[in-house]
Amino acid sequence: MDWADISSWPNADLSRRVQGPIHRWHIQEAGKGETMLLLHGAGGSTHSYRRLIAPLSEHQHVIALDLPGHGFTQLGARHRSTLDGMAQAIAALCAQEGWTPRTIVGHSAGAAVALRLVQPDLTPSDHVPMVIGLNAALGEFPGLAGVVFPIIAKALAAVPFTASLFSGASGNPKRIEALIRSTGSTLDAEGLELYRRLVADRAHVDGTLLMMAQWKLPPLLRALPDHKGPVRFIVGEQDATVPPTVSLTTAKSMPDARVTNLPDLGHLAHEEDPATVADLILGFVDAAQGATPT
């Protein structure tokens, strides 16, 4: 995305650019108190938290960022779009900026990044940050899709003009509406237009394809039964992208993990009903800090 367009992006008054060791980041920052880091999913951006940042920042120091190659974050190294590479880059950014997140919220694939980020090699601490996963993408693609999907993604990412062809063909408003509907969620006109802008942007599509092509979950999944910190999953039961059973199954394998279901919401639950999701997140934070939720 062109930085010249940032003024028309949600919460643009909170936006700034930060040059990290690898990537040039788009950051949105607000509030005071304990630090809460917000990570979007593959193909998303800070816009997905546009209606959560304000209520969360009334109680927390909130930082939302665009993942490498997504939105307004400029990718510094194409081979660093792996799960490990993204988590390492975010850890380096936090160290550079002096951030010590106490809570990390991740949507979809962003939940996997959050869980990788708090593994001991990246976050050596006596207090492991709480991870809150929103429709967490922690399952492998079943059957043939598990083989075909990564191959297709790698092929698309390897062809320089693929992203421009894909973005041009997929930036149609009707296609975007159908795409969002296929996730089990319903968004308003603003939400649909923001996704249209993202999908119509070649650099963003290229970054998303690179992330998909390099995505490997098994090492993280093997580590989860030994995870030391608290994990809370929020699941939209109408999610048609990540089966709701994924969070339940994952939670059962972890020492301190719980699942909260939202019956009427889909994969983009935090965009459909930000007030409910914000209240749940703050309730989890209050409980973890030994306070009484308000």
Protein backbone atom coordinates (compact mmCIF):
# COMPACT_ATOMS: atom_id res chain seq x y z
CA MET A 1 0.00 0.00 0.00
CA ASP A 2 1.20 3.49 -0.82
CA TRP A 3 1.98 5.53 2.30
CA ALA A 4 0.48 8.54 0.52
CA ASP A 5 -2.92 6.89 1.07
CA ILE A 6 -2.53 6.47 4.84
CA SER A 7 -4.68 9.52 5.63
CA SER A 8 -7.79 7.70 4.41
CA TRP A 9 -7.04 4.55 6.44
CA PRO A 10 -8.88 3.82 9.71
CA ASN A 11 -7.20 5.37 12.78
CA ALA A 12 -4.70 7.16 10.55
CA ASP A 13 -4.06 9.66 13.34
CA LEU A 14 -2.46 6.82 15.30
CA SER A 15 -0.24 5.68 12.42
CA ARG A 16 3.49 6.05 12.05
CA ARG A 17 6.32 4.33 10.20
CA VAL A 18 9.14 2.55 11.99
CA GLN A 19 12.28 1.28 10.32
CA GLY A 20 13.16 -2.03 11.92
CA PRO A 21 16.16 -4.29 11.47
CA ILE A 22 14.47 -5.98 8.49
CA HIS A 23 11.16 -4.39 7.50
CA ARG A 24 9.70 -0.89 7.39
CA TRP A 25 6.67 -1.18 9.66
CA HIS A 26 3.28 0.49 9.83
CA ILE A 27 2.39 0.92 13.50
CA GLN A 28 -0.75 2.25 15.19
CA GLU A 29 -0.31 3.09 18.87
CA ALA A 30 -2.69 4.43 21.53
CA GLY A 31 -3.36 4.42 25.26
CA LYS A 32 -1.32 3.91 28.43
CA GLY A 33 -0.75 1.07 30.84
CA GLU A 34 0.28 -2.52 30.18
CA THR A 35 1.19 -3.15 26.55
CA MET A 36 -1.20 -5.13 24.33
CA LEU A 37 -0.03 -6.15 20.86
CA LEU A 38 -2.60 -6.75 18.10
CA LEU A 39 -1.69 -9.02 15.16
CA HIS A 40 -3.98 -9.48 12.16
CA GLY A 41 -4.28 -12.58 9.99
CA ALA A 42 -3.02 -13.43 6.51
CA GLY A 43 -4.36 -10.95 3.98
CA GLY A 44 -5.48 -8.49 6.66
CA SER A 45 -4.03 -5.33 8.19
CA THR A 46 -4.48 -2.99 11.15
CA HIS A 47 -7.89 -2.11 9.70
CA SER A 48 -9.33 -5.33 11.12
CA TYR A 49 -8.90 -3.85 14.62
CA ARG A 50 -10.25 -0.44 13.63
CA ARG A 51 -13.15 -0.57 16.14
CA LEU A 52 -11.27 -2.36 18.91
CA ILE A 53 -8.32 -0.02 19.32
CA ALA A 54 -10.35 2.77 20.95
CA PRO A 55 -12.09 0.69 23.66
CA LEU A 56 -8.96 -1.37 24.35
CA SER A 57 -6.73 1.71 24.60
CA GLU A 58 -8.93 3.15 27.36
CA HIS A 59 -7.35 0.50 29.60
CA GLN A 60 -4.16 -0.63 27.83
CA HIS A 61 -1.21 0.64 25.84
CA VAL A 62 -2.31 -0.77 22.47
CA ILE A 63 -0.02 -1.42 19.52
CA ALA A 64 -1.38 -2.70 16.21
CA LEU A 65 0.94 -3.40 13.30
CA ASP A 66 0.77 -4.58 9.72
CA LEU A 67 2.58 -7.90 9.28
CA PRO A 68 5.55 -7.94 6.85
CA GLY A 69 4.38 -7.38 3.28
CA HIS A 70 0.82 -6.60 4.41
CA GLY A 71 -0.98 -3.28 4.31
CA PHE A 72 1.50 -0.43 4.71
CA THR A 73 4.42 -2.49 6.07
CA GLN A 74 7.15 -2.75 3.44
CA LEU A 75 8.74 -6.19 3.19
CA GLY A 76 12.50 -6.05 3.68
CA ALA A 77 13.33 -9.67 2.84
CA ARG A 78 11.07 -11.96 0.82
CA HIS A 79 12.43 -15.13 2.43
CA ARG A 80 11.49 -13.87 5.93
CA SER A 81 7.72 -14.35 5.49
CA THR A 82 7.85 -17.64 7.40
CA LEU A 83 6.12 -18.09 10.74
CA ASP A 84 9.50 -18.05 12.48
CA GLY A 85 10.73 -15.14 10.39
CA MET A 86 7.69 -12.99 11.18
CA ALA A 87 7.82 -13.78 14.90
CA GLN A 88 11.55 -13.05 15.03
CA ALA A 89 11.06 -9.73 13.22
CA ILE A 90 8.30 -8.68 15.61
CA ALA A 91 10.43 -9.66 18.61
CA ALA A 92 13.26 -7.52 17.21
CA LEU A 93 10.86 -4.62 16.66
CA CYS A 94 9.57 -4.86 20.23
CA ALA A 95 13.13 -4.86 21.57
CA GLN A 96 14.02 -1.88 19.39
CA GLU A 97 10.99 0.14 20.51
CA GLY A 98 11.15 -0.91 24.17
CA TRP A 99 7.79 -2.69 24.13
CA THR A 100 7.11 -5.55 26.55
CA PRO A 101 3.66 -6.91 25.68
CA ARG A 102 1.71 -8.46 28.54
CA THR A 103 -1.05 -9.55 26.17
CA ILE A 104 -0.88 -10.48 22.49
CA VAL A 105 -4.09 -10.72 20.49
CA GLY A 106 -3.90 -12.57 17.20
CA HIS A 107 -6.57 -13.16 14.59
CA SER A 108 -6.47 -16.32 12.46
CA ALA A 109 -2.86 -16.85 11.31
CA GLY A 110 -1.94 -13.93 13.58
CA ALA A 111 -2.73 -16.19 16.54
CA ALA A 112 -0.06 -18.61 15.36
CA VAL A 113 2.42 -15.73 15.08
CA ALA A 114 1.46 -14.65 18.61
CA LEU A 115 2.01 -18.15 20.03
CA ARG A 116 5.35 -18.44 18.24
CA LEU A 117 6.36 -15.00 19.51
CA VAL A 118 5.97 -16.04 23.17
CA GLN A 119 8.03 -19.23 22.85
CA PRO A 120 11.07 -19.18 25.20
CA ASP A 121 13.66 -18.51 22.50
CA LEU A 122 11.95 -15.23 21.54
CA THR A 123 10.39 -14.11 24.81
CA PRO A 124 12.58 -15.26 27.70
CA SER A 125 10.64 -14.05 30.71
CA ASP A 126 9.30 -15.16 34.06
CA HIS A 127 5.94 -13.84 32.94
CA VAL A 128 4.84 -15.29 29.61
CA PRO A 129 2.40 -12.92 27.89
CA MET A 130 -1.20 -14.05 27.64
CA VAL A 131 -2.22 -14.93 24.09
CA ILE A 132 -5.79 -14.32 22.94
CA GLY A 133 -6.59 -16.08 19.69
CA LEU A 134 -9.51 -14.88 17.58
CA ASN A 135 -10.63 -17.77 15.34
CA ALA A 136 -7.07 -19.03 15.57
CA ALA A 137 -5.73 -20.76 12.44
CA LEU A 138 -3.89 -23.60 14.17
CA GLY A 139 -4.87 -26.52 11.98
CA GLU A 140 -3.33 -27.98 8.85
CA PHE A 141 -5.36 -28.09 5.65
CA PRO A 142 -6.95 -31.56 5.47
CA GLY A 143 -6.47 -34.11 2.72
CA LEU A 144 -5.48 -33.03 -0.78
CA ALA A 145 -5.77 -29.33 0.12
CA GLY A 146 -2.85 -29.76 2.52
CA VAL A 147 -0.68 -30.70 -0.45
CA VAL A 148 -2.16 -28.59 -3.23
CA PHE A 149 -2.63 -25.28 -1.38
CA PRO A 150 1.04 -24.70 -0.44
CA ILE A 151 2.17 -25.71 -3.94
CA ILE A 152 -0.26 -23.28 -5.58
CA ALA A 153 0.78 -20.51 -3.19
CA LYS A 154 4.47 -21.11 -3.90
CA ALA A 155 3.84 -21.09 -7.63
CA LEU A 156 1.89 -17.82 -7.43
CA ALA A 157 4.52 -16.16 -5.23
CA ALA A 158 7.30 -17.14 -7.62
CA VAL A 159 5.80 -15.38 -10.65
CA PRO A 160 6.42 -11.61 -10.51
CA PHE A 161 3.26 -10.54 -12.34
CA THR A 162 0.90 -12.93 -10.53
CA ALA A 163 0.09 -10.49 -7.74
CA SER A 164 -0.93 -7.75 -10.17
CA LEU A 165 -3.12 -10.17 -12.13
CA PHE A 166 -4.72 -11.49 -8.96
CA SER A 167 -5.28 -8.06 -7.46
CA GLY A 168 -6.79 -6.75 -10.69
CA ALA A 169 -9.17 -9.68 -11.01
CA SER A 170 -10.14 -9.83 -7.34
CA GLY A 171 -10.59 -6.14 -6.56
CA ASN A 172 -14.15 -6.17 -7.86
CA PRO A 173 -16.60 -5.15 -5.08
CA LYS A 174 -18.96 -8.05 -5.79
CA ARG A 175 -16.10 -10.53 -5.57
CA ILE A 176 -14.98 -9.02 -2.28
CA GLU A 177 -18.49 -9.27 -0.86
CA ALA A 178 -18.67 -12.92 -1.91
CA LEU A 179 -15.22 -13.59 -0.44
CA ILE A 180 -16.15 -12.09 2.93
CA ARG A 181 -19.49 -13.89 2.94
CA SER A 182 -17.66 -17.18 2.37
CA THR A 183 -15.88 -16.72 5.73
CA GLY A 184 -19.20 -16.88 7.57
CA SER A 185 -19.09 -13.17 8.40
CA THR A 186 -21.14 -10.18 7.28
CA LEU A 187 -19.44 -6.78 7.11
CA ASP A 188 -20.78 -3.30 6.50
CA ALA A 189 -19.92 -1.22 3.44
CA GLU A 190 -16.85 0.32 5.08
CA GLY A 191 -15.41 -3.08 5.94
CA LEU A 192 -15.98 -4.39 2.43
CA GLU A 193 -14.35 -1.34 0.85
CA LEU A 194 -11.25 -1.67 3.04
CA TYR A 195 -10.78 -5.28 1.97
CA ARG A 196 -11.35 -4.25 -1.64
CA ARG A 197 -8.53 -1.72 -1.35
CA LEU A 198 -6.22 -4.33 0.13
CA VAL A 199 -6.98 -7.00 -2.44
CA ALA A 200 -6.57 -4.48 -5.27
CA ASP A 201 -3.04 -3.64 -4.10
CA ARG A 202 -0.29 -5.66 -5.77
CA ALA A 203 2.26 -5.35 -2.95
CA HIS A 204 -0.26 -6.48 -0.33
CA VAL A 205 -1.33 -9.49 -2.42
CA ASP A 206 2.32 -10.36 -3.03
CA GLY A 207 3.03 -10.22 0.70
CA THR A 208 0.02 -12.41 1.46
CA LEU A 209 1.04 -15.00 -1.14
CA LEU A 210 4.57 -15.10 0.24
CA MET A 211 3.23 -15.72 3.74
CA MET A 212 0.98 -18.52 2.47
CA ALA A 213 3.80 -20.10 0.47
CA GLN A 214 6.20 -20.19 3.42
CA TRP A 215 3.70 -21.16 6.12
CA LYS A 216 4.67 -24.19 8.25
CA LEU A 217 2.75 -24.95 11.45
CA PRO A 218 3.95 -28.40 12.66
CA PRO A 219 6.91 -27.20 14.77
CA LEU A 220 4.67 -24.73 16.62
CA LEU A 221 1.88 -27.28 17.09
CA ARG A 222 4.34 -29.75 18.60
CA ALA A 223 5.42 -27.13 21.14
CA LEU A 224 1.93 -26.13 22.31
CA PRO A 225 1.44 -28.91 24.91
CA ASP A 226 4.42 -27.45 26.79
CA HIS A 227 3.23 -23.84 26.50
CA LYS A 228 3.69 -22.03 29.82
CA GLY A 229 1.42 -18.99 29.57
CA PRO A 230 -2.35 -18.52 29.58
CA VAL A 231 -4.18 -18.78 26.26
CA ARG A 232 -7.76 -17.72 25.61
CA PHE A 233 -9.53 -18.57 22.37
CA ILE A 234 -12.54 -16.61 21.07
CA VAL A 235 -14.40 -18.52 18.40
CA GLY A 236 -17.17 -17.46 16.02
CA GLU A 237 -19.26 -20.58 15.64
CA GLN A 238 -20.25 -19.58 12.10
CA ASP A 239 -16.60 -19.48 10.99
CA ALA A 240 -16.44 -21.07 7.55
CA THR A 241 -12.68 -20.50 7.16
CA VAL A 242 -11.22 -22.14 10.26
CA PRO A 243 -13.43 -24.88 11.76
CA PRO A 244 -14.44 -23.88 15.31
CA THR A 245 -13.28 -27.31 16.49
CA VAL A 246 -9.67 -26.26 15.81
CA SER A 247 -9.54 -23.98 18.85
CA LEU A 248 -11.32 -26.52 21.05
CA THR A 249 -8.95 -29.32 20.06
CA THR A 250 -5.91 -27.09 20.52
CA ALA A 251 -7.10 -25.86 23.93
CA LYS A 252 -7.46 -29.44 25.18
CA SER A 253 -3.79 -30.06 24.39
CA MET A 254 -2.54 -27.03 26.35
CA PRO A 255 -2.03 -26.57 30.11
CA ASP A 256 -3.90 -23.27 30.54
CA ALA A 257 -6.22 -22.65 27.59
CA ARG A 258 -9.94 -21.92 27.43
CA VAL A 259 -12.46 -21.35 24.65
CA THR A 260 -15.28 -18.82 24.50
CA ASN A 261 -17.83 -19.33 21.72
CA LEU A 262 -19.78 -16.59 19.93
CA PRO A 263 -22.77 -18.36 18.35
CA ASP A 264 -23.81 -15.87 15.66
CA LEU A 265 -20.44 -14.67 14.35
CA GLY A 266 -18.01 -15.87 11.70
CA HIS A 267 -14.29 -15.73 10.96
CA LEU A 268 -14.22 -11.92 11.22
CA ALA A 269 -16.09 -11.88 14.54
CA HIS A 270 -14.01 -8.99 15.89
CA GLU A 271 -15.08 -6.86 12.93
CA GLU A 272 -18.73 -7.94 13.08
CA ASP A 273 -19.18 -7.30 16.81
CA PRO A 274 -16.15 -5.36 18.11
CA ALA A 275 -17.89 -4.30 21.34
CA THR A 276 -18.47 -7.89 22.47
CA VAL A 277 -14.96 -8.98 21.51
CA ALA A 278 -13.36 -5.96 23.21
CA ASP A 279 -15.28 -6.70 26.42
CA LEU A 280 -14.12 -10.32 26.34
CA ILE A 281 -10.49 -9.31 25.78
CA LEU A 282 -10.54 -6.79 28.63
CA GLY A 283 -12.25 -9.34 30.87
CA PHE A 284 -9.49 -11.84 30.21
CA VAL A 285 -6.86 -9.20 30.94
CA ASP A 286 -8.55 -8.15 34.19
CA ALA A 287 -8.84 -11.77 35.33
CA ALA A 288 -5.18 -12.43 34.52
CA GLN A 289 -4.15 -9.38 36.55
CA GLY A 290 -6.29 -10.44 39.50
CA ALA A 291 -8.74 -7.58 39.04
CA THR A 292 -12.50 -7.65 38.93
CA PRO A 293 -13.80 -7.09 35.39
CA THR A 294 -15.82 -3.89 35.05
